[in-house]
């Protein structure tokens, strides 16, 4: 009898998805560099994008495709968009904390709204055709490759 709270075992599909999304994150983040102002600190852009790719691939993409819980295209697209969203959220939160330490916000709600304003600013800044196409096509490719691996492994 299976336990209800049994831990999910890692799968090879999850590992492949994590690696592919990390590579996609680094590639897309490199495409976004020219769209930021020259003084913008982007030291952590690649590591954060890769880390978000690892997390999304390991916990979402791989398990979904391993259990055949959706179409590879849809799961791949969702994964790449979630990865981009999480990466922007991390950087927007960092910007909010920097501003909060400088007493730029009067209330907590103003600071929370600042995160989403910064995310919108980042989103508008990097919503360029090459970045969008790379994110979407990369997500589809990740979905297909991970699905192929999931069907051939356990």
Foldseek 3Di string as FASTA:
>chain_A
DDDPPDDDDFWPLLVLQLQLQLVLQQVLLVVLVVLDDPPDDCPCRSVLLSVLSNVLSNPPQLVCLLVVVDALLVSLLVSLVVSLLVSLLVVLLVVLVVCVVVVVDDDPVRSVVSSVVSSVVSCVSRPDVVSVVSSNVSSSVSSVVSNVVSVVTD
